[in-house]
Amino acid sequence: MGLLLALLLNALALIITSKIVPGFVVSDFWSAVLAAIVLGVINTFIKPVLLILTFPLNIVTLGLFTFVINALVLVMATAVVPGLTITNFWPTGILAALVLSVVSTILSLVLKDISKKK
């Protein structure tokens, strides 16, 4: 049940991000669900390798290069998911990665708060 809830939460975060960031488009709910699945797979298998390869650059930039890695992960997902598009890598991809991480954090905190009260 937790995996399904996390999947739906990530899909909702993608939809909210698409409403906030111009140039980041999620066409419909099912594209958001598929994008959440693809992002989960990429974050599990490819992102750790990218973080290890860019570790020195991440140290020099005090961790800010992680946003570039997150934008790259989003661009990888757009190559696989038909209903997910990003117009530009630098302005749109970086901003979408930043907004997506903030929205996901807020949604997960709200969900934890709701589940604590029950």
PDB file of N, CA and C in Angstrom:
ATOM      1  N   MET A   1       0.818  -1.187   0.000  1.00  0.00           N
ATOM      2  CA  MET A   1       0.000   0.000   0.000  1.00  0.00           C
ATOM      3  C   MET A   1       0.866   1.256   0.000  1.00  0.00           C
ATOM      4  N   GLY A   2       1.981   1.220   0.698  1.00  0.00           N
ATOM      5  CA  GLY A   2       2.864   2.380   0.780  1.00  0.00           C
ATOM      6  C   GLY A   2       3.480   2.735  -0.564  1.00  0.00           C
ATOM      7  N   LEU A   3       3.805   1.719  -1.363  1.00  0.00           N
ATOM      8  CA  LEU A   3       4.389   1.967  -2.679  1.00  0.00           C
ATOM      9  C   LEU A   3       3.382   2.624  -3.616  1.00  0.00           C
ATOM     10  N   LEU A   4       2.145   2.172  -3.562  1.00  0.00           N
ATOM     11  CA  LEU A   4       1.094   2.765  -4.391  1.00  0.00           C
ATOM     12  C   LEU A   4       0.824   4.207  -3.974  1.00  0.00           C
ATOM     13  N   LEU A   5       0.829   4.465  -2.682  1.00  0.00           N
ATOM     14  CA  LEU A   5       0.623   5.820  -2.179  1.00  0.00           C
ATOM     15  C   LEU A   5       1.771   6.738  -2.593  1.00  0.00           C
ATOM     16  N   ALA A   6       2.997   6.240  -2.520  1.00  0.00           N
ATOM     17  CA  ALA A   6       4.157   7.029  -2.952  1.00  0.00           C
ATOM     18  C   ALA A   6       4.091   7.320  -4.448  1.00  0.00           C
ATOM     19  N   LEU A   7       3.647   6.349  -5.215  1.00  0.00           N
ATOM     20  CA  LEU A   7       3.499   6.537  -6.656  1.00  0.00           C
ATOM     21  C   LEU A   7       2.471   7.624  -6.965  1.00  0.00           C
ATOM     22  N   LEU A   8       1.328   7.572  -6.306  1.00  0.00           N
ATOM     23  CA  LEU A   8       0.295   8.578  -6.518  1.00  0.00           C
ATOM     24  C   LEU A   8       0.734   9.951  -6.025  1.00  0.00           C
ATOM     25  N   LEU A   9       1.492   9.983  -4.944  1.00  0.00           N
ATOM     26  CA  LEU A   9       2.009  11.240  -4.419  1.00  0.00           C
ATOM     27  C   LEU A   9       2.995  11.871  -5.405  1.00  0.00           C
ATOM     28  N   ASN A  10       3.858  11.052  -5.998  1.00  0.00           N
ATOM     29  CA  ASN A  10       4.804  11.567  -6.992  1.00  0.00           C
ATOM     30  C   ASN A  10       4.090  12.021  -8.261  1.00  0.00           C
ATOM     31  N   ALA A  11       3.046  11.305  -8.655  1.00  0.00           N
ATOM     32  CA  ALA A  11       2.269  11.729  -9.819  1.00  0.00           C
ATOM     33  C   ALA A  11       1.593  13.069  -9.550  1.00  0.00           C
ATOM     34  N   LEU A  12       1.054  13.232  -8.357  1.00  0.00           N
ATOM     35  CA  LEU A  12       0.440  14.506  -7.982  1.00  0.00           C
ATOM     36  C   LEU A  12       1.475  15.625  -7.958  1.00  0.00           C
ATOM     37  N   ALA A  13       2.670  15.329  -7.449  1.00  0.00           N
ATOM     38  CA  ALA A  13       3.743  16.332  -7.435  1.00  0.00           C
ATOM     39  C   ALA A  13       4.131  16.740  -8.855  1.00  0.00           C
ATOM     40  N   LEU A  14       4.152  15.792  -9.780  1.00  0.00           N
ATOM     41  CA  LEU A  14       4.447  16.114 -11.178  1.00  0.00           C
ATOM     42  C   LEU A  14       3.370  17.003 -11.781  1.00  0.00           C
ATOM     43  N   ILE A  15       2.116  16.716 -11.485  1.00  0.00           N
ATOM     44  CA  ILE A  15       1.017  17.527 -12.014  1.00  0.00           C
ATOM     45  C   ILE A  15       1.068  18.941 -11.438  1.00  0.00           C
ATOM     46  N   ILE A  16       1.314  19.067 -10.151  1.00  0.00           N
ATOM     47  CA  ILE A  16       1.417  20.392  -9.527  1.00  0.00           C
ATOM     48  C   ILE A  16       2.591  21.160 -10.107  1.00  0.00           C
ATOM     49  N   THR A  17       3.718  20.486 -10.305  1.00  0.00           N
ATOM     50  CA  THR A  17       4.889  21.131 -10.890  1.00  0.00           C
ATOM     51  C   THR A  17       4.602  21.616 -12.300  1.00  0.00           C
ATOM     52  N   SER A  18       3.850  20.845 -13.058  1.00  0.00           N
ATOM     53  CA  SER A  18       3.525  21.261 -14.426  1.00  0.00           C
ATOM     54  C   SER A  18       2.622  22.490 -14.440  1.00  0.00           C
ATOM     55  N   LYS A  19       1.837  22.681 -13.383  1.00  0.00           N
ATOM     56  CA  LYS A  19       0.998  23.879 -13.289  1.00  0.00           C
ATOM     57  C   LYS A  19       1.803  25.106 -12.879  1.00  0.00           C
ATOM     58  N   ILE A  20       2.909  24.901 -12.168  1.00  0.00           N
ATOM     59  CA  ILE A  20       3.718  26.014 -11.665  1.00  0.00           C
ATOM     60  C   ILE A  20       4.783  26.441 -12.662  1.00  0.00           C
ATOM     61  N   VAL A  21       5.475  25.481 -13.262  1.00  0.00           N
ATOM     62  CA  VAL A  21       6.632  25.772 -14.119  1.00  0.00           C
ATOM     63  C   VAL A  21       6.197  25.836 -15.582  1.00  0.00           C
ATOM     64  N   PRO A  22       6.346  27.008 -16.217  1.00  0.00           N
ATOM     65  CA  PRO A  22       6.027  27.080 -17.653  1.00  0.00           C
ATOM     66  C   PRO A  22       7.083  26.324 -18.463  1.00  0.00           C
ATOM     67  N   GLY A  23       6.640  25.547 -19.419  1.00  0.00           N
ATOM     68  CA  GLY A  23       7.557  24.765 -20.234  1.00  0.00           C
ATOM     69  C   GLY A  23       7.721  23.333 -19.771  1.00  0.00           C
ATOM     70  N   PHE A  24       7.203  23.024 -18.599  1.00  0.00           N
ATOM     71  CA  PHE A  24       7.191  21.653 -18.083  1.00  0.00           C
ATOM     72  C   PHE A  24       5.751  21.173 -18.176  1.00  0.00           C
ATOM     73  N   VAL A  25       5.499  20.204 -19.045  1.00  0.00           N
ATOM     74  CA  VAL A  25       4.120  19.809 -19.363  1.00  0.00           C
ATOM     75  C   VAL A  25       3.920  18.329 -19.075  1.00  0.00           C
ATOM     76  N   VAL A  26       2.872  18.039 -18.313  1.00  0.00           N
ATOM     77  CA  VAL A  26       2.380  16.677 -18.125  1.00  0.00           C
ATOM     78  C   VAL A  26       0.995  16.664 -18.746  1.00  0.00           C
ATOM     79  N   SER A  27       0.795  15.854 -19.780  1.00  0.00           N
ATOM     80  CA  SER A  27      -0.437  15.940 -20.561  1.00  0.00           C
ATOM     81  C   SER A  27      -1.679  15.464 -19.814  1.00  0.00           C
ATOM     82  N   ASP A  28      -1.572  14.385 -19.042  1.00  0.00           N
ATOM     83  CA  ASP A  28      -2.727  13.888 -18.313  1.00  0.00           C
ATOM     84  C   ASP A  28      -2.277  13.094 -17.092  1.00  0.00           C
ATOM     85  N   PHE A  29      -3.251  12.595 -16.342  1.00  0.00           N
ATOM     86  CA  PHE A  29      -2.951  11.877 -15.106  1.00  0.00           C
ATOM     87  C   PHE A  29      -2.161  10.601 -15.355  1.00  0.00           C
ATOM     88  N   TRP A  30      -2.513   9.866 -16.399  1.00  0.00           N
ATOM     89  CA  TRP A  30      -1.828   8.594 -16.658  1.00  0.00           C
ATOM     90  C   TRP A  30      -0.396   8.821 -17.110  1.00  0.00           C
ATOM     91  N   SER A  31      -0.145   9.915 -17.794  1.00  0.00           N
ATOM     92  CA  SER A  31       1.235  10.266 -18.131  1.00  0.00           C
ATOM     93  C   SER A  31       2.016  10.593 -16.865  1.00  0.00           C
ATOM     94  N   ALA A  32       1.358  11.235 -15.906  1.00  0.00           N
ATOM     95  CA  ALA A  32       2.005  11.540 -14.632  1.00  0.00           C
ATOM     96  C   ALA A  32       2.322  10.260 -13.860  1.00  0.00           C
ATOM     97  N   VAL A  33       1.418   9.296 -13.889  1.00  0.00           N
ATOM     98  CA  VAL A  33       1.663   8.021 -13.201  1.00  0.00           C
ATOM     99  C   VAL A  33       2.817   7.275 -13.865  1.00  0.00           C
ATOM    100  N   LEU A  34       2.802   7.230 -15.203  1.00  0.00           N
ATOM    101  CA  LEU A  34       3.898   6.577 -15.922  1.00  0.00           C
ATOM    102  C   LEU A  34       5.220   7.303 -15.673  1.00  0.00           C
ATOM    103  N   ALA A  35       5.182   8.631 -15.650  1.00  0.00           N
ATOM    104  CA  ALA A  35       6.393   9.407 -15.373  1.00  0.00           C
ATOM    105  C   ALA A  35       6.894   9.144 -13.959  1.00  0.00           C
ATOM    106  N   ALA A  36       5.983   8.991 -12.997  1.00  0.00           N
ATOM    107  CA  ALA A  36       6.393   8.690 -11.627  1.00  0.00           C
ATOM    108  C   ALA A  36       7.069   7.327 -11.549  1.00  0.00           C
ATOM    109  N   ILE A  37       6.548   6.360 -12.296  1.00  0.00           N
ATOM    110  CA  ILE A  37       7.173   5.030 -12.334  1.00  0.00           C
ATOM    111  C   ILE A  37       8.564   5.107 -12.958  1.00  0.00           C
ATOM    112  N   VAL A  38       8.658   5.789 -14.100  1.00  0.00           N
ATOM    113  CA  VAL A  38       9.946   5.912 -14.801  1.00  0.00           C
ATOM    114  C   VAL A  38      10.951   6.679 -13.941  1.00  0.00           C
ATOM    115  N   LEU A  39      10.507   7.759 -13.300  1.00  0.00           N
ATOM    116  CA  LEU A  39      11.411   8.514 -12.422  1.00  0.00           C
ATOM    117  C   LEU A  39      11.874   7.662 -11.243  1.00  0.00           C
ATOM    118  N   GLY A  40      10.992   6.830 -10.717  1.00  0.00           N
ATOM    119  CA  GLY A  40      11.388   5.932  -9.640  1.00  0.00           C
ATOM    120  C   GLY A  40      12.463   4.950 -10.074  1.00  0.00           C
ATOM    121  N   VAL A  41      12.322   4.414 -11.271  1.00  0.00           N
ATOM    122  CA  VAL A  41      13.327   3.473 -11.799  1.00  0.00           C
ATOM    123  C   VAL A  41      14.653   4.195 -12.058  1.00  0.00           C
ATOM    124  N   ILE A  42      14.580   5.364 -12.674  1.00  0.00           N
ATOM    125  CA  ILE A  42      15.805   6.130 -12.967  1.00  0.00           C
ATOM    126  C   ILE A  42      16.485   6.550 -11.669  1.00  0.00           C
ATOM    127  N   ASN A  43      15.691   7.005 -10.684  1.00  0.00           N
ATOM    128  CA  ASN A  43      16.270   7.417  -9.403  1.00  0.00           C
ATOM    129  C   ASN A  43      16.893   6.250  -8.652  1.00  0.00           C
ATOM    130  N   THR A  44      16.392   5.044  -8.893  1.00  0.00           N
ATOM    131  CA  THR A  44      16.932   3.872  -8.209  1.00  0.00           C
ATOM    132  C   THR A  44      18.215   3.365  -8.849  1.00  0.00           C
ATOM    133  N   PHE A  45      18.269   3.336 -10.185  1.00  0.00           N
ATOM    134  CA  PHE A  45      19.389   2.680 -10.856  1.00  0.00           C
ATOM    135  C   PHE A  45      20.411   3.632 -11.475  1.00  0.00           C
ATOM    136  N   ILE A  46      19.968   4.725 -12.055  1.00  0.00           N
ATOM    137  CA  ILE A  46      20.888   5.589 -12.812  1.00  0.00           C
ATOM    138  C   ILE A  46      21.396   6.771 -11.984  1.00  0.00           C
ATOM    139  N   LYS A  47      20.527   7.383 -11.182  1.00  0.00           N
ATOM    140  CA  LYS A  47      20.919   8.571 -10.427  1.00  0.00           C
ATOM    141  C   LYS A  47      22.084   8.324  -9.466  1.00  0.00           C
ATOM    142  N   PRO A  48      22.136   7.197  -8.754  1.00  0.00           N
ATOM    143  CA  PRO A  48      23.307   6.981  -7.881  1.00  0.00           C
ATOM    144  C   PRO A  48      24.627   6.939  -8.653  1.00  0.00           C
ATOM    145  N   VAL A  49      24.602   6.369  -9.844  1.00  0.00           N
ATOM    146  CA  VAL A  49      25.818   6.332 -10.657  1.00  0.00           C
ATOM    147  C   VAL A  49      26.220   7.749 -11.073  1.00  0.00           C
ATOM    148  N   LEU A  50      25.240   8.552 -11.475  1.00  0.00           N
ATOM    149  CA  LEU A  50      25.517   9.934 -11.850  1.00  0.00           C
ATOM    150  C   LEU A  50      26.064  10.732 -10.669  1.00  0.00           C
ATOM    151  N   LEU A  51      25.510  10.500  -9.489  1.00  0.00           N
ATOM    152  CA  LEU A  51      25.988  11.215  -8.310  1.00  0.00           C
ATOM    153  C   LEU A  51      27.418  10.816  -7.947  1.00  0.00           C
ATOM    154  N   ILE A  52      27.746   9.549  -8.114  1.00  0.00           N
ATOM    155  CA  ILE A  52      29.122   9.109  -7.835  1.00  0.00           C
ATOM    156  C   ILE A  52      30.097   9.696  -8.852  1.00  0.00           C
ATOM    157  N   LEU A  53      29.691   9.701 -10.124  1.00  0.00           N
ATOM    158  CA  LEU A  53      30.570  10.241 -11.165  1.00  0.00           C
ATOM    159  C   LEU A  53      30.800  11.742 -11.017  1.00  0.00           C
ATOM    160  N   THR A  54      29.817  12.452 -10.513  1.00  0.00           N
ATOM    161  CA  THR A  54      29.935  13.904 -10.380  1.00  0.00           C
ATOM    162  C   THR A  54      30.247  14.339  -8.952  1.00  0.00           C
ATOM    163  N   PHE A  55      30.679  13.417  -8.126  1.00  0.00           N
ATOM    164  CA  PHE A  55      30.951  13.730  -6.726  1.00  0.00           C
ATOM    165  C   PHE A  55      31.929  14.889  -6.541  1.00  0.00           C
ATOM    166  N   PRO A  56      33.066  14.921  -7.261  1.00  0.00           N
ATOM    167  CA  PRO A  56      33.979  16.066  -7.068  1.00  0.00           C
ATOM    168  C   PRO A  56      33.321  17.408  -7.422  1.00  0.00           C
ATOM    169  N   LEU A  57      32.562  17.432  -8.508  1.00  0.00           N
ATOM    170  CA  LEU A  57      31.881  18.665  -8.900  1.00  0.00           C
ATOM    171  C   LEU A  57      30.806  19.040  -7.881  1.00  0.00           C
ATOM    172  N   ASN A  58      30.167  18.047  -7.316  1.00  0.00           N
ATOM    173  CA  ASN A  58      29.160  18.290  -6.290  1.00  0.00           C
ATOM    174  C   ASN A  58      29.790  18.871  -5.025  1.00  0.00           C
ATOM    175  N   ILE A  59      30.980  18.403  -4.693  1.00  0.00           N
ATOM    176  CA  ILE A  59      31.689  18.941  -3.528  1.00  0.00           C
ATOM    177  C   ILE A  59      32.064  20.398  -3.765  1.00  0.00           C
ATOM    178  N   VAL A  60      32.590  20.695  -4.952  1.00  0.00           N
ATOM    179  CA  VAL A  60      33.023  22.066  -5.271  1.00  0.00           C
ATOM    180  C   VAL A  60      31.837  23.031  -5.254  1.00  0.00           C
ATOM    181  N   THR A  61      30.686  22.596  -5.726  1.00  0.00           N
ATOM    182  CA  THR A  61      29.508  23.465  -5.778  1.00  0.00           C
ATOM    183  C   THR A  61      28.656  23.371  -4.513  1.00  0.00           C
ATOM    184  N   LEU A  62      29.172  22.708  -3.489  1.00  0.00           N
ATOM    185  CA  LEU A  62      28.481  22.551  -2.209  1.00  0.00           C
ATOM    186  C   LEU A  62      27.104  21.888  -2.362  1.00  0.00           C
ATOM    187  N   GLY A  63      27.008  20.941  -3.274  1.00  0.00           N
ATOM    188  CA  GLY A  63      25.798  20.162  -3.460  1.00  0.00           C
ATOM    189  C   GLY A  63      24.802  20.741  -4.450  1.00  0.00           C
ATOM    190  N   LEU A  64      25.052  21.935  -4.953  1.00  0.00           N
ATOM    191  CA  LEU A  64      24.104  22.547  -5.877  1.00  0.00           C
ATOM    192  C   LEU A  64      24.057  21.850  -7.231  1.00  0.00           C
ATOM    193  N   PHE A  65      25.116  21.119  -7.587  1.00  0.00           N
ATOM    194  CA  PHE A  65      25.115  20.394  -8.856  1.00  0.00           C
ATOM    195  C   PHE A  65      24.081  19.269  -8.851  1.00  0.00           C
ATOM    196  N   THR A  66      23.594  18.914  -7.681  1.00  0.00           N
ATOM    197  CA  THR A  66      22.549  17.898  -7.588  1.00  0.00           C
ATOM    198  C   THR A  66      21.290  18.336  -8.340  1.00  0.00           C
ATOM    199  N   PHE A  67      21.015  19.638  -8.367  1.00  0.00           N
ATOM    200  CA  PHE A  67      19.860  20.127  -9.129  1.00  0.00           C
ATOM    201  C   PHE A  67      20.042  19.875 -10.623  1.00  0.00           C
ATOM    202  N   VAL A  68      21.275  19.962 -11.098  1.00  0.00           N
ATOM    203  CA  VAL A  68      21.547  19.658 -12.510  1.00  0.00           C
ATOM    204  C   VAL A  68      21.323  18.169 -12.762  1.00  0.00           C
ATOM    205  N   ILE A  69      21.742  17.332 -11.842  1.00  0.00           N
ATOM    206  CA  ILE A  69      21.517  15.889 -11.963  1.00  0.00           C
ATOM    207  C   ILE A  69      20.015  15.590 -11.953  1.00  0.00           C
ATOM    208  N   ASN A  70      19.272  16.251 -11.063  1.00  0.00           N
ATOM    209  CA  ASN A  70      17.821  16.050 -11.020  1.00  0.00           C
ATOM    210  C   ASN A  70      17.160  16.491 -12.321  1.00  0.00           C
ATOM    211  N   ALA A  71      17.624  17.600 -12.894  1.00  0.00           N
ATOM    212  CA  ALA A  71      17.084  18.053 -14.182  1.00  0.00           C
ATOM    213  C   ALA A  71      17.423  17.045 -15.279  1.00  0.00           C
ATOM    214  N   LEU A  72      18.621  16.490 -15.238  1.00  0.00           N
ATOM    215  CA  LEU A  72      19.016  15.479 -16.213  1.00  0.00           C
ATOM    216  C   LEU A  72      18.142  14.237 -16.088  1.00  0.00           C
ATOM    217  N   VAL A  73      17.801  13.857 -14.884  1.00  0.00           N
ATOM    218  CA  VAL A  73      16.901  12.722 -14.653  1.00  0.00           C
ATOM    219  C   VAL A  73      15.524  13.019 -15.235  1.00  0.00           C
ATOM    220  N   LEU A  74      15.036  14.242 -15.063  1.00  0.00           N
ATOM    221  CA  LEU A  74      13.751  14.617 -15.658  1.00  0.00           C
ATOM    222  C   LEU A  74      13.800  14.552 -17.182  1.00  0.00           C
ATOM    223  N   VAL A  75      14.897  15.006 -17.764  1.00  0.00           N
ATOM    224  CA  VAL A  75      15.052  14.955 -19.224  1.00  0.00           C
ATOM    225  C   VAL A  75      15.095  13.502 -19.697  1.00  0.00           C
ATOM    226  N   MET A  76      15.750  12.629 -18.945  1.00  0.00           N
ATOM    227  CA  MET A  76      15.760  11.208 -19.290  1.00  0.00           C
ATOM    228  C   MET A  76      14.345  10.641 -19.278  1.00  0.00           C
ATOM    229  N   ALA A  77      13.555  11.064 -18.297  1.00  0.00           N
ATOM    230  CA  ALA A  77      12.176  10.574 -18.211  1.00  0.00           C
ATOM    231  C   ALA A  77      11.347  11.080 -19.386  1.00  0.00           C
ATOM    232  N   THR A  78      11.615  12.293 -19.868  1.00  0.00           N
ATOM    233  CA  THR A  78      10.866  12.810 -21.024  1.00  0.00           C
ATOM    234  C   THR A  78      11.167  12.020 -22.283  1.00  0.00           C
ATOM    235  N   ALA A  79      12.329  11.390 -22.340  1.00  0.00           N
ATOM    236  CA  ALA A  79      12.664  10.575 -23.507  1.00  0.00           C
ATOM    237  C   ALA A  79      11.850   9.281 -23.543  1.00  0.00           C
ATOM    238  N   VAL A  80      11.352   8.855 -22.389  1.00  0.00           N
ATOM    239  CA  VAL A  80      10.638   7.586 -22.301  1.00  0.00           C
ATOM    240  C   VAL A  80       9.117   7.781 -22.229  1.00  0.00           C
ATOM    241  N   VAL A  81       8.675   8.807 -21.520  1.00  0.00           N
ATOM    242  CA  VAL A  81       7.244   9.028 -21.275  1.00  0.00           C
ATOM    243  C   VAL A  81       6.685   9.950 -22.356  1.00  0.00           C
ATOM    244  N   PRO A  82       5.701   9.494 -23.124  1.00  0.00           N
ATOM    245  CA  PRO A  82       5.177  10.304 -24.222  1.00  0.00           C
ATOM    246  C   PRO A  82       4.472  11.587 -23.791  1.00  0.00           C
ATOM    247  N   GLY A  83       3.809  11.630 -22.655  1.00  0.00           N
ATOM    248  CA  GLY A  83       3.048  12.805 -22.251  1.00  0.00           C
ATOM    249  C   GLY A  83       3.808  13.793 -21.398  1.00  0.00           C
ATOM    250  N   LEU A  84       5.123  13.608 -21.253  1.00  0.00           N
ATOM    251  CA  LEU A  84       5.948  14.471 -20.417  1.00  0.00           C
ATOM    252  C   LEU A  84       6.932  15.218 -21.305  1.00  0.00           C
ATOM    253  N   THR A  85       6.915  16.557 -21.245  1.00  0.00           N
ATOM    254  CA  THR A  85       7.835  17.350 -22.061  1.00  0.00           C
ATOM    255  C   THR A  85       8.459  18.468 -21.240  1.00  0.00           C
ATOM    256  N   ILE A  86       9.699  18.779 -21.589  1.00  0.00           N
ATOM    257  CA  ILE A  86      10.427  19.915 -21.025  1.00  0.00           C
ATOM    258  C   ILE A  86      10.972  20.697 -22.208  1.00  0.00           C
ATOM    259  N   THR A  87      10.669  21.998 -22.258  1.00  0.00           N
ATOM    260  CA  THR A  87      11.065  22.786 -23.423  1.00  0.00           C
ATOM    261  C   THR A  87      12.562  23.057 -23.468  1.00  0.00           C
ATOM    262  N   ASN A  88      13.161  23.474 -22.364  1.00  0.00           N
ATOM    263  CA  ASN A  88      14.596  23.764 -22.303  1.00  0.00           C
ATOM    264  C   ASN A  88      15.202  23.078 -21.092  1.00  0.00           C
ATOM    265  N   PHE A  89      16.462  22.642 -21.244  1.00  0.00           N
ATOM    266  CA  PHE A  89      17.114  21.977 -20.118  1.00  0.00           C
ATOM    267  C   PHE A  89      17.468  22.970 -19.026  1.00  0.00           C
ATOM    268  N   TRP A  90      18.175  24.038 -19.382  1.00  0.00           N
ATOM    269  CA  TRP A  90      18.691  24.931 -18.344  1.00  0.00           C
ATOM    270  C   TRP A  90      17.606  25.680 -17.590  1.00  0.00           C
ATOM    271  N   PRO A  91      16.836  26.524 -18.208  1.00  0.00           N
ATOM    272  CA  PRO A  91      15.890  27.249 -17.340  1.00  0.00           C
ATOM    273  C   PRO A  91      14.736  26.366 -16.855  1.00  0.00           C
ATOM    274  N   THR A  92      14.121  25.640 -17.764  1.00  0.00           N
ATOM    275  CA  THR A  92      12.922  24.883 -17.412  1.00  0.00           C
ATOM    276  C   THR A  92      13.270  23.632 -16.614  1.00  0.00           C
ATOM    277  N   GLY A  93      14.271  22.889 -17.045  1.00  0.00           N
ATOM    278  CA  GLY A  93      14.631  21.645 -16.369  1.00  0.00           C
ATOM    279  C   GLY A  93      15.110  21.870 -14.949  1.00  0.00           C
ATOM    280  N   ILE A  94      15.963  22.865 -14.757  1.00  0.00           N
ATOM    281  CA  ILE A  94      16.477  23.145 -13.413  1.00  0.00           C
ATOM    282  C   ILE A  94      15.349  23.630 -12.507  1.00  0.00           C
ATOM    283  N   LEU A  95      14.524  24.550 -13.022  1.00  0.00           N
ATOM    284  CA  LEU A  95      13.414  25.060 -12.224  1.00  0.00           C
ATOM    285  C   LEU A  95      12.406  23.961 -11.912  1.00  0.00           C
ATOM    286  N   ALA A  96      12.118  23.106 -12.885  1.00  0.00           N
ATOM    287  CA  ALA A  96      11.190  21.994 -12.654  1.00  0.00           C
ATOM    288  C   ALA A  96      11.745  21.031 -11.609  1.00  0.00           C
ATOM    289  N   ALA A  97      13.039  20.760 -11.655  1.00  0.00           N
ATOM    290  CA  ALA A  97      13.651  19.873 -10.664  1.00  0.00           C
ATOM    291  C   ALA A  97      13.563  20.482  -9.268  1.00  0.00           C
ATOM    292  N   LEU A  98      13.799  21.770  -9.174  1.00  0.00           N
ATOM    293  CA  LEU A  98      13.729  22.454  -7.882  1.00  0.00           C
ATOM    294  C   LEU A  98      12.297  22.455  -7.345  1.00  0.00           C
ATOM    295  N   VAL A  99      11.346  22.842  -8.183  1.00  0.00           N
ATOM    296  CA  VAL A  99       9.942  22.897  -7.752  1.00  0.00           C
ATOM    297  C   VAL A  99       9.422  21.498  -7.426  1.00  0.00           C
ATOM    298  N   LEU A 100       9.798  20.509  -8.234  1.00  0.00           N
ATOM    299  CA  LEU A 100       9.349  19.140  -7.985  1.00  0.00           C
ATOM    300  C   LEU A 100       9.846  18.625  -6.636  1.00  0.00           C
ATOM    301  N   SER A 101      11.084  18.920  -6.292  1.00  0.00           N
ATOM    302  CA  SER A 101      11.601  18.457  -5.001  1.00  0.00           C
ATOM    303  C   SER A 101      10.901  19.167  -3.849  1.00  0.00           C
ATOM    304  N   VAL A 102      10.619  20.460  -3.991  1.00  0.00           N
ATOM    305  CA  VAL A 102       9.914  21.188  -2.929  1.00  0.00           C
ATOM    306  C   VAL A 102       8.480  20.680  -2.789  1.00  0.00           C
ATOM    307  N   VAL A 103       7.783  20.521  -3.906  1.00  0.00           N
ATOM    308  CA  VAL A 103       6.396  20.052  -3.867  1.00  0.00           C
ATOM    309  C   VAL A 103       6.326  18.633  -3.301  1.00  0.00           C
ATOM    310  N   SER A 104       7.240  17.766  -3.695  1.00  0.00           N
ATOM    311  CA  SER A 104       7.249  16.392  -3.168  1.00  0.00           C
ATOM    312  C   SER A 104       7.486  16.383  -1.665  1.00  0.00           C
ATOM    313  N   THR A 105       8.382  17.230  -1.209  1.00  0.00           N
ATOM    314  CA  THR A 105       8.659  17.311   0.222  1.00  0.00           C
ATOM    315  C   THR A 105       7.437  17.802   0.991  1.00  0.00           C
ATOM    316  N   ILE A 106       6.804  18.844   0.472  1.00  0.00           N
ATOM    317  CA  ILE A 106       5.617  19.379   1.139  1.00  0.00           C
ATOM    318  C   ILE A 106       4.499  18.337   1.178  1.00  0.00           C
ATOM    319  N   LEU A 107       4.262  17.664   0.052  1.00  0.00           N
ATOM    320  CA  LEU A 107       3.202  16.645   0.023  1.00  0.00           C
ATOM    321  C   LEU A 107       3.484  15.497   0.975  1.00  0.00           C
ATOM    322  N   SER A 108       4.732  15.059   1.058  1.00  0.00           N
ATOM    323  CA  SER A 108       5.049  13.957   1.963  1.00  0.00           C
ATOM    324  C   SER A 108       4.930  14.386   3.427  1.00  0.00           C
ATOM    325  N   LEU A 109       5.279  15.648   3.732  1.00  0.00           N
ATOM    326  CA  LEU A 109       5.113  16.136   5.100  1.00  0.00           C
ATOM    327  C   LEU A 109       3.640  16.239   5.480  1.00  0.00           C
ATOM    328  N   VAL A 110       2.816  16.697   4.551  1.00  0.00           N
ATOM    329  CA  VAL A 110       1.381  16.777   4.806  1.00  0.00           C
ATOM    330  C   VAL A 110       0.807  15.382   5.013  1.00  0.00           C
ATOM    331  N   LEU A 111       1.237  14.425   4.191  1.00  0.00           N
ATOM    332  CA  LEU A 111       0.744  13.060   4.329  1.00  0.00           C
ATOM    333  C   LEU A 111       1.166  12.453   5.667  1.00  0.00           C
ATOM    334  N   LYS A 112       2.403  12.702   6.091  1.00  0.00           N
ATOM    335  CA  LYS A 112       2.850  12.190   7.390  1.00  0.00           C
ATOM    336  C   LYS A 112       2.054  12.815   8.525  1.00  0.00           C
ATOM    337  N   ASP A 113       1.759  14.117   8.401  1.00  0.00           N
ATOM    338  CA  ASP A 113       0.984  14.807   9.425  1.00  0.00           C
ATOM    339  C   ASP A 113      -0.424  14.251   9.513  1.00  0.00           C
ATOM    340  N   ILE A 114      -1.026  13.964   8.356  1.00  0.00           N
ATOM    341  CA  ILE A 114      -2.381  13.402   8.334  1.00  0.00           C
ATOM    342  C   ILE A 114      -2.374  11.997   8.938  1.00  0.00           C
ATOM    343  N   SER A 115      -1.366  11.199   8.605  1.00  0.00           N
ATOM    344  CA  SER A 115      -1.332   9.824   9.101  1.00  0.00           C
ATOM    345  C   SER A 115      -1.019   9.776  10.609  1.00  0.00           C
ATOM    346  N   LYS A 116      -0.333  10.797  11.148  1.00  0.00           N
ATOM    347  CA  LYS A 116      -0.071  10.860  12.581  1.00  0.00           C
ATOM    348  C   LYS A 116      -1.343  11.102  13.379  1.00  0.00           C
ATOM    349  N   LYS A 117      -2.234  11.905  12.813  1.00  0.00           N
ATOM    350  CA  LYS A 117      -3.455  12.276  13.520  1.00  0.00           C
ATOM    351  C   LYS A 117      -4.457  11.137  13.606  1.00  0.00           C
ATOM    352  N   LYS A 118      -4.330  10.149  12.750  1.00  0.00           N
ATOM    353  CA  LYS A 118      -5.296   9.032  12.760  1.00  0.00           C
ATOM    354  C   LYS A 118      -4.961   8.022  13.808  1.00  0.00           C
TER     355      LYS A 118
END
